[in-house]
Amino acid sequence: MSAIAISAADVNKLRQTTGAGMMDCKNALVEAEGDFEKAIEILRKKGQKLADKRSDRDAKEGFAIAKVSADGTRGIISALNCETDFVAKNAEFVAMAEKIADLALNANPADKDALGALLIDGRSVSEHITDMVGKIGEKIEISYYAVVTAPFVAAYIHPGNRVVSLVGFNKASFANAEGVGKDVTMQIAAMSPIALDETSVPTDVIEKELEIAREVLRTEGKPEDKIEMIAQGKLKKFYSESTLLNQDFIKDGKLTVRQYLQSIDKELTATDFKRFSVA
């Protein structure tokens, strides 16, 4: 049987449709004996096979995005991760990360899995990611998705899209809201607090900090009847360093973040925040 003639126009058409490389498109058309739809399916199966093969690889690079809804009451963070910095800067990869973030903001999925199930041009986000794996040859995944809702939400993206943050406030309107939002989201990005305040630190984290403090104090030979009091003092320092509202405000170390917000409006406070950093 004679070989099927594959034209350059056919290869280019398949490339425009799938985004796959020229040789991959040509080989798929040859395997499909010129059947365009079958060639698309071959390329998609190749992507799935490669995705399965690379599933245990580390995807420590990526592109993170924080966005806020038009009414300012809901913000999202989404991150698309890959294996190398080269791919993280690839225009097609960045465009997909932006598209996923826009979809998350508009559709408000419940979690990361629900985000992956949303449709773009009739196919799920997860399927589009699998196609991209086949084209690019790296593990690609949605590594993070989070939402903050509040009367007013602010977002910050550090240059390079490796660190992003969101913060929600208890009031919809206050003086210099955009500037205050930027100040606090930059604080979150820079200082990486683990909780909003001392009341929202998980119990297991508190117990671990106290256990470490007690052990250090015993090693230093502190009297047993003083250890608990000193450990509690160290816990207060932990709160001041690791909880957002108790941290020193990075633009004025004489104020905590809580005091800074109260200087704007005595009733103003942050109610929630999220931060993500590409590993």
Protein backbone atom coordinates (compact mmCIF):
# COMPACT_ATOMS: atom_id res chain seq x y z
CA MET A 1 0.00 0.00 0.00
CA SER A 2 1.39 3.41 -0.95
CA ALA A 3 2.26 5.91 1.78
CA ILE A 4 -0.26 8.68 2.47
CA ALA A 5 0.96 12.04 1.17
CA ILE A 6 0.99 14.58 4.00
CA SER A 7 1.12 18.19 2.82
CA ALA A 8 2.79 21.06 4.62
CA ALA A 9 -0.62 22.76 4.73
CA ASP A 10 -2.11 19.77 6.59
CA VAL A 11 0.75 19.79 9.08
CA ASN A 12 0.39 23.54 9.63
CA LYS A 13 -3.38 23.23 10.11
CA LEU A 14 -2.90 20.56 12.78
CA ARG A 15 -0.22 22.66 14.46
CA GLN A 16 -2.51 25.69 14.55
CA THR A 17 -5.30 23.57 16.04
CA THR A 18 -3.27 21.74 18.70
CA GLY A 19 -0.17 23.86 19.26
CA ALA A 20 1.99 20.75 18.95
CA GLY A 21 5.39 20.83 17.22
CA MET A 22 5.72 20.45 13.46
CA MET A 23 7.31 16.98 13.55
CA ASP A 24 4.80 15.74 16.14
CA CYS A 25 1.98 16.94 13.89
CA LYS A 26 3.51 15.33 10.80
CA ASN A 27 4.06 12.03 12.59
CA ALA A 28 0.52 12.06 13.97
CA LEU A 29 -0.93 12.65 10.50
CA VAL A 30 1.18 9.84 9.07
CA GLU A 31 0.03 7.48 11.83
CA ALA A 32 -3.58 8.58 11.26
CA GLU A 33 -3.20 8.07 7.52
CA GLY A 34 -4.19 11.67 6.90
CA ASP A 35 -7.30 11.62 9.13
CA PHE A 36 -7.25 15.05 10.81
CA GLU A 37 -9.51 14.19 13.79
CA LYS A 38 -7.67 10.93 14.42
CA ALA A 39 -4.36 12.83 14.37
CA ILE A 40 -5.69 15.21 17.06
CA GLU A 41 -6.64 12.21 19.18
CA ILE A 42 -3.17 10.69 18.69
CA LEU A 43 -1.54 13.90 19.92
CA ARG A 44 -3.86 14.03 22.95
CA LYS A 45 -3.08 10.42 23.84
CA LYS A 46 0.60 11.23 23.57
CA GLY A 47 0.08 14.07 26.04
CA GLN A 48 -1.74 11.76 28.46
CA LYS A 49 0.99 9.13 28.24
CA LEU A 50 3.66 11.74 28.90
CA ALA A 51 1.64 13.21 31.78
CA ASP A 52 1.36 9.75 33.35
CA LYS A 53 5.07 9.14 32.84
CA ARG A 54 6.06 12.43 34.49
CA SER A 55 3.49 12.36 37.29
CA ASP A 56 6.14 11.63 39.91
CA ARG A 57 8.40 14.50 38.82
CA ASP A 58 8.76 17.68 40.88
CA ALA A 59 7.04 20.75 39.46
CA LYS A 60 8.74 23.45 41.51
CA GLU A 61 8.67 26.31 39.02
CA GLY A 62 5.60 28.14 37.82
CA PHE A 63 3.49 31.25 37.45
CA ALA A 64 1.18 32.49 40.22
CA ILE A 65 -1.62 35.02 39.84
CA ALA A 66 -3.84 36.95 42.27
CA LYS A 67 -6.98 38.66 40.98
CA VAL A 68 -9.92 40.52 42.51
CA SER A 69 -13.49 40.68 41.22
CA ALA A 70 -14.81 43.91 39.70
CA ASP A 71 -16.86 44.68 42.84
CA GLY A 72 -13.80 44.15 45.06
CA THR A 73 -15.45 41.57 47.32
CA ARG A 74 -13.76 38.37 46.16
CA GLY A 75 -10.18 37.53 45.32
CA ILE A 76 -8.53 34.38 44.03
CA ILE A 77 -5.02 33.00 43.84
CA SER A 78 -4.19 30.31 41.31
CA ALA A 79 -0.82 28.90 40.35
CA LEU A 80 0.24 26.78 37.42
CA ASN A 81 3.45 24.87 38.09
CA CYS A 82 6.00 23.20 35.81
CA GLU A 83 9.47 21.69 36.11
CA THR A 84 11.75 24.45 34.79
CA ASP A 85 12.02 28.22 34.92
CA PHE A 86 12.35 28.23 31.12
CA VAL A 87 8.84 26.81 30.71
CA ALA A 88 7.46 29.08 33.47
CA LYS A 89 8.39 32.05 31.26
CA ASN A 90 7.02 30.47 28.07
CA ALA A 91 4.32 32.71 26.53
CA GLU A 92 1.89 29.84 25.98
CA PHE A 93 2.34 28.61 29.56
CA VAL A 94 1.78 32.12 30.97
CA ALA A 95 -1.29 32.59 28.77
CA MET A 96 -2.76 29.34 30.10
CA ALA A 97 -2.05 30.42 33.70
CA GLU A 98 -3.84 33.72 33.04
CA LYS A 99 -6.79 31.96 31.40
CA ILE A 100 -7.14 29.59 34.35
CA ALA A 101 -7.04 32.51 36.82
CA ASP A 102 -9.73 34.41 34.89
CA LEU A 103 -11.87 31.29 34.81
CA ALA A 104 -11.43 30.78 38.56
CA LEU A 105 -12.42 34.39 39.28
CA ASN A 106 -15.51 34.22 37.09
CA ALA A 107 -16.74 30.70 37.89
CA ASN A 108 -15.81 30.58 41.61
CA PRO A 109 -15.07 26.82 41.77
CA ALA A 110 -15.15 25.16 45.17
CA ASP A 111 -11.61 23.80 45.10
CA LYS A 112 -8.61 22.92 42.91
CA ASP A 113 -10.27 19.81 41.49
CA ALA A 114 -13.38 21.77 40.56
CA LEU A 115 -11.18 24.34 38.85
CA GLY A 116 -9.56 21.60 36.79
CA ALA A 117 -13.00 20.39 35.71
CA LEU A 118 -14.14 23.76 34.34
CA LEU A 119 -14.40 24.04 30.58
CA ILE A 120 -12.38 26.08 28.11
CA ASP A 121 -13.63 25.80 24.53
CA GLY A 122 -15.59 22.66 25.35
CA ARG A 123 -12.78 20.77 27.09
CA SER A 124 -11.76 20.73 30.74
CA VAL A 125 -8.87 22.73 32.12
CA SER A 126 -7.23 19.42 33.10
CA GLU A 127 -7.46 18.17 29.52
CA HIS A 128 -5.89 21.37 28.20
CA ILE A 129 -3.07 20.96 30.73
CA THR A 130 -2.52 17.38 29.59
CA ASP A 131 -2.30 18.60 25.98
CA MET A 132 0.31 21.14 27.07
CA VAL A 133 2.32 18.41 28.78
CA GLY A 134 2.44 16.59 25.46
CA LYS A 135 3.63 19.72 23.63
CA ILE A 136 6.11 20.99 26.20
CA GLY A 137 7.34 17.71 27.68
CA GLU A 138 7.22 18.70 31.36
CA LYS A 139 4.94 17.94 34.26
CA ILE A 140 2.39 20.76 34.52
CA GLU A 141 -0.25 21.08 37.22
CA ILE A 142 -2.48 23.51 39.07
CA SER A 143 -0.51 23.62 42.29
CA TYR A 144 -2.61 26.06 44.32
CA TYR A 145 -6.04 27.67 44.37
CA ALA A 146 -7.54 29.79 47.15
CA VAL A 147 -10.30 32.34 47.65
CA VAL A 148 -10.79 35.31 49.98
CA THR A 149 -14.19 36.97 50.31
CA ALA A 150 -14.78 40.14 52.32
CA PRO A 151 -16.37 43.58 52.03
CA PHE A 152 -13.09 44.72 50.43
CA VAL A 153 -10.33 42.48 49.04
CA ALA A 154 -6.90 43.55 47.79
CA ALA A 155 -4.34 41.56 45.81
CA TYR A 156 -0.60 41.82 45.23
CA ILE A 157 1.64 40.13 42.68
CA HIS A 158 5.36 40.46 43.30
CA PRO A 159 7.33 41.09 40.08
CA GLY A 160 8.04 37.76 38.41
CA ASN A 161 4.77 36.14 39.55
CA ARG A 162 6.47 33.88 42.09
CA VAL A 163 4.90 35.39 45.24
CA VAL A 164 1.28 36.57 45.42
CA SER A 165 -1.08 37.52 48.23
CA LEU A 166 -4.66 38.48 49.06
CA VAL A 167 -6.18 40.20 52.06
CA GLY A 168 -9.79 40.82 53.06
CA PHE A 169 -10.97 43.76 55.20
CA ASN A 170 -14.07 44.10 57.37
CA LYS A 171 -15.17 47.35 55.74
CA ALA A 172 -16.03 48.10 52.12
CA SER A 173 -15.00 51.74 52.27
CA PHE A 174 -12.22 53.50 54.16
CA ALA A 175 -9.59 56.17 53.52
CA ASN A 176 -6.99 55.27 50.86
CA ALA A 177 -8.37 51.76 50.55
CA GLU A 178 -6.24 50.87 47.52
CA GLY A 179 -3.06 52.10 49.20
CA VAL A 180 -3.83 50.33 52.47
CA GLY A 181 -4.65 47.14 50.57
CA LYS A 182 -1.31 47.32 48.78
CA ASP A 183 0.54 47.95 52.05
CA VAL A 184 -0.98 44.93 53.77
CA THR A 185 -0.69 42.53 50.82
CA MET A 186 2.97 43.52 50.43
CA GLN A 187 3.41 42.86 54.17
CA ILE A 188 1.93 39.39 53.69
CA ALA A 189 4.14 38.69 50.67
CA ALA A 190 7.30 39.85 52.45
CA MET A 191 6.74 38.55 55.98
CA SER A 192 4.79 35.31 55.30
CA PRO A 193 2.55 35.27 58.40
CA ILE A 194 1.07 31.89 59.31
CA ALA A 195 -2.22 33.20 60.74
CA LEU A 196 -4.28 36.36 61.15
CA ASP A 197 -3.70 36.75 64.91
CA GLU A 198 -3.04 34.68 68.02
CA THR A 199 -6.62 33.38 68.09
CA SER A 200 -6.30 31.79 64.66
CA VAL A 201 -3.02 29.92 65.15
CA PRO A 202 -3.71 26.16 65.08
CA THR A 203 -3.49 24.47 68.47
CA ASP A 204 -0.88 21.99 67.30
CA VAL A 205 1.37 24.84 66.16
CA ILE A 206 1.06 26.53 69.58
CA GLU A 207 1.87 23.30 71.39
CA LYS A 208 4.88 22.69 69.16
CA GLU A 209 6.24 26.20 69.80
CA LEU A 210 5.80 25.77 73.56
CA GLU A 211 7.42 22.34 73.49
CA ILE A 212 10.44 23.69 71.61
CA ALA A 213 10.72 26.65 74.00
CA ARG A 214 10.55 24.41 77.09
CA GLU A 215 13.19 22.06 75.71
CA VAL A 216 15.56 24.92 74.88
CA LEU A 217 15.06 26.46 78.32
CA ARG A 218 15.79 23.15 80.07
CA THR A 219 18.92 22.74 77.96
CA GLU A 220 19.98 26.22 79.05
CA GLY A 221 19.52 25.19 82.68
CA LYS A 222 16.62 27.50 83.52
CA PRO A 223 14.81 26.71 86.82
CA GLU A 224 11.90 24.31 86.28
CA ASP A 225 9.45 26.60 88.12
CA LYS A 226 10.29 29.46 85.72
CA ILE A 227 10.20 27.52 82.47
CA GLU A 228 6.47 27.78 81.79
CA MET A 229 6.40 31.54 82.38
CA ILE A 230 9.40 32.10 80.09
CA ALA A 231 7.95 29.75 77.45
CA GLN A 232 4.72 31.75 77.40
CA GLY A 233 6.81 34.89 76.87
CA LYS A 234 8.50 33.26 73.90
CA LEU A 235 5.07 32.32 72.54
CA LYS A 236 4.06 35.98 72.62
CA LYS A 237 7.17 36.80 70.61
CA PHE A 238 6.20 34.07 68.16
CA TYR A 239 2.79 35.72 67.75
CA SER A 240 4.41 39.09 67.10
CA GLU A 241 6.65 37.63 64.42
CA SER A 242 4.28 35.16 62.77
CA THR A 243 0.73 36.54 62.89
CA LEU A 244 -0.29 39.29 60.51
CA LEU A 245 -2.04 41.74 62.81
CA ASN A 246 0.68 41.45 65.47
CA GLN A 247 3.66 41.81 63.12
CA ASP A 248 5.64 45.03 63.01
CA PHE A 249 4.39 47.03 60.05
CA ILE A 250 7.18 46.93 57.46
CA LYS A 251 6.71 50.59 56.47
CA ASP A 252 6.77 51.83 60.09
CA GLY A 253 8.33 49.55 62.69
CA LYS A 254 6.83 51.62 65.52
CA LEU A 255 3.39 50.23 64.65
CA THR A 256 1.97 46.75 64.39
CA VAL A 257 -0.21 45.99 61.36
CA ARG A 258 -3.24 46.15 63.65
CA GLN A 259 -2.21 49.60 64.89
CA TYR A 260 -1.55 50.78 61.35
CA LEU A 261 -5.07 49.78 60.28
CA GLN A 262 -6.58 51.44 63.35
CA SER A 263 -4.71 54.64 62.47
CA ILE A 264 -6.66 54.65 59.19
CA ASP A 265 -10.01 53.77 60.78
CA LYS A 266 -10.35 52.70 64.42
CA GLU A 267 -12.74 49.89 63.39
CA LEU A 268 -10.69 48.66 60.43
CA THR A 269 -9.10 45.22 60.53
CA ALA A 270 -8.11 42.37 58.27
CA THR A 271 -10.42 39.35 58.35
CA ASP A 272 -8.62 36.85 56.12
CA PHE A 273 -5.57 36.48 53.93
CA LYS A 274 -3.86 34.05 51.59
CA ARG A 275 -0.28 33.84 50.34
CA PHE A 276 1.41 31.58 47.81
CA SER A 277 5.03 31.30 46.81
CA VAL A 278 6.34 29.25 43.93
CA ALA A 279 8.80 26.82 45.54
